Amino acid sequence: MKKLLKNRKASPLLEEGLLLGIAAVAFSVVLSIVAGVLLGIKGYYSSFGSNMGNSLNDILKQIGDILYQIGKWLGIG
């Protein structure tokens, strides 16, 4: 029985395997966090661009309406 307990040849292999498994899990967690952040940034900028385009169209429409009213007051339009 003592001879069986002192046989520790597989101990380093087991330790390396566990460390590799932990490293793989940590790497996948970091990779998923980075991917989530990048997707969030992409979504923010795409919605920012469409909102900016809509806001610009609204501003131009309001400027057009103001110019139309000024033209009506001056008797041009």
C-alpha atoms as a PDB file:
ATOM      1  CA  MET A   1       0.000   0.000   0.000  1.00  0.00           C
ATOM      2  CA  LYS A   2       2.849   2.386   0.833  1.00  0.00           C
ATOM      3  CA  LYS A   3       4.419   1.703  -2.532  1.00  0.00           C
ATOM      4  CA  LEU A   4       1.182   2.731  -4.314  1.00  0.00           C
ATOM      5  CA  LEU A   5       0.877   6.004  -2.410  1.00  0.00           C
ATOM      6  CA  LYS A   6       4.503   6.981  -3.130  1.00  0.00           C
ATOM      7  CA  ASN A   7       4.085   6.557  -6.885  1.00  0.00           C
ATOM      8  CA  ARG A   8       3.721  10.184  -7.968  1.00  0.00           C
ATOM      9  CA  LYS A   9       4.816   9.979 -11.584  1.00  0.00           C
ATOM     10  CA  ALA A  10       1.449  11.154 -12.886  1.00  0.00           C
ATOM     11  CA  SER A  11       1.182  14.081 -10.480  1.00  0.00           C
ATOM     12  CA  PRO A  12       2.997  16.629 -12.699  1.00  0.00           C
ATOM     13  CA  LEU A  13       0.945  15.568 -15.710  1.00  0.00           C
ATOM     14  CA  LEU A  14      -2.276  15.966 -13.762  1.00  0.00           C
ATOM     15  CA  GLU A  15      -1.188  19.378 -12.505  1.00  0.00           C
ATOM     16  CA  GLU A  16      -0.265  20.549 -16.007  1.00  0.00           C
ATOM     17  CA  GLY A  17      -3.568  19.281 -17.358  1.00  0.00           C
ATOM     18  CA  LEU A  18      -5.528  21.171 -14.720  1.00  0.00           C
ATOM     19  CA  LEU A  19      -3.542  24.347 -15.359  1.00  0.00           C
ATOM     20  CA  LEU A  20      -4.116  24.049 -19.102  1.00  0.00           C
ATOM     21  CA  GLY A  21      -7.840  23.580 -18.507  1.00  0.00           C
ATOM     22  CA  ILE A  22      -8.004  26.632 -16.259  1.00  0.00           C
ATOM     23  CA  ALA A  23      -6.016  28.660 -18.795  1.00  0.00           C
ATOM     24  CA  ALA A  24      -8.385  27.612 -21.599  1.00  0.00           C
ATOM     25  CA  VAL A  25     -11.439  28.634 -19.574  1.00  0.00           C
ATOM     26  CA  ALA A  26      -9.854  31.973 -18.614  1.00  0.00           C
ATOM     27  CA  PHE A  27      -8.914  32.639 -22.245  1.00  0.00           C
ATOM     28  CA  SER A  28     -12.444  31.918 -23.461  1.00  0.00           C
ATOM     29  CA  VAL A  29     -13.929  34.214 -20.794  1.00  0.00           C
ATOM     30  CA  VAL A  30     -11.584  37.071 -21.747  1.00  0.00           C
ATOM     31  CA  LEU A  31     -12.294  36.488 -25.435  1.00  0.00           C
ATOM     32  CA  SER A  32     -16.064  36.581 -24.893  1.00  0.00           C
ATOM     33  CA  ILE A  33     -15.775  39.803 -22.867  1.00  0.00           C
ATOM     34  CA  VAL A  34     -13.729  41.462 -25.614  1.00  0.00           C
ATOM     35  CA  ALA A  35     -16.181  40.280 -28.281  1.00  0.00           C
ATOM     36  CA  GLY A  36     -19.121  41.624 -26.263  1.00  0.00           C
ATOM     37  CA  VAL A  37     -17.469  45.005 -25.819  1.00  0.00           C
ATOM     38  CA  LEU A  38     -16.659  45.248 -29.516  1.00  0.00           C
ATOM     39  CA  LEU A  39     -20.219  44.324 -30.491  1.00  0.00           C
ATOM     40  CA  GLY A  40     -21.544  46.921 -28.061  1.00  0.00           C
ATOM     41  CA  ILE A  41     -19.322  49.612 -29.552  1.00  0.00           C
ATOM     42  CA  LYS A  42     -20.394  48.615 -33.053  1.00  0.00           C
ATOM     43  CA  GLY A  43     -24.073  48.801 -32.075  1.00  0.00           C
ATOM     44  CA  TYR A  44     -23.565  52.187 -30.416  1.00  0.00           C
ATOM     45  CA  TYR A  45     -21.928  53.724 -33.455  1.00  0.00           C
ATOM     46  CA  SER A  46     -24.442  52.278 -35.905  1.00  0.00           C
ATOM     47  CA  SER A  47     -27.371  53.626 -33.863  1.00  0.00           C
ATOM     48  CA  PHE A  48     -25.499  56.913 -33.378  1.00  0.00           C
ATOM     49  CA  GLY A  49     -25.097  57.267 -37.138  1.00  0.00           C
ATOM     50  CA  SER A  50     -28.755  56.592 -37.904  1.00  0.00           C
ATOM     51  CA  ASN A  51     -29.911  58.908 -35.107  1.00  0.00           C
ATOM     52  CA  MET A  52     -27.558  61.617 -36.341  1.00  0.00           C
ATOM     53  CA  GLY A  53     -28.925  61.232 -39.868  1.00  0.00           C
ATOM     54  CA  ASN A  54     -32.509  61.480 -38.623  1.00  0.00           C
ATOM     55  CA  SER A  55     -31.684  64.519 -36.490  1.00  0.00           C
ATOM     56  CA  LEU A  56     -29.970  66.230 -39.417  1.00  0.00           C
ATOM     57  CA  ASN A  57     -33.005  65.601 -41.629  1.00  0.00           C
ATOM     58  CA  ASP A  58     -35.295  67.041 -38.942  1.00  0.00           C
ATOM     59  CA  ILE A  59     -33.112  70.144 -38.590  1.00  0.00           C
ATOM     60  CA  LEU A  60     -33.054  70.694 -42.345  1.00  0.00           C
ATOM     61  CA  LYS A  61     -36.839  70.303 -42.496  1.00  0.00           C
ATOM     62  CA  GLN A  62     -37.278  72.866 -39.712  1.00  0.00           C
ATOM     63  CA  ILE A  63     -34.934  75.294 -41.476  1.00  0.00           C
ATOM     64  CA  GLY A  64     -36.945  74.805 -44.668  1.00  0.00           C
ATOM     65  CA  ASP A  65     -40.187  75.478 -42.785  1.00  0.00           C
ATOM     66  CA  ILE A  66     -38.712  78.642 -41.221  1.00  0.00           C
ATOM     67  CA  LEU A  67     -37.525  79.907 -44.608  1.00  0.00           C
ATOM     68  CA  TYR A  68     -40.954  79.159 -46.066  1.00  0.00           C
ATOM     69  CA  GLN A  69     -42.662  81.171 -43.285  1.00  0.00           C
ATOM     70  CA  ILE A  70     -40.248  84.095 -43.784  1.00  0.00           C
ATOM     71  CA  GLY A  71     -40.985  83.962 -47.510  1.00  0.00           C
ATOM     72  CA  LYS A  72     -44.747  84.048 -46.830  1.00  0.00           C
ATOM     73  CA  TRP A  73     -44.345  87.058 -44.499  1.00  0.00           C
ATOM     74  CA  LEU A  74     -42.309  88.904 -47.108  1.00  0.00           C
ATOM     75  CA  GLY A  75     -44.801  87.991 -49.832  1.00  0.00           C
ATOM     76  CA  ILE A  76     -42.303  85.919 -51.793  1.00  0.00           C
ATOM     77  CA  GLY A  77     -43.714  82.425 -51.311  1.00  0.00           C
END
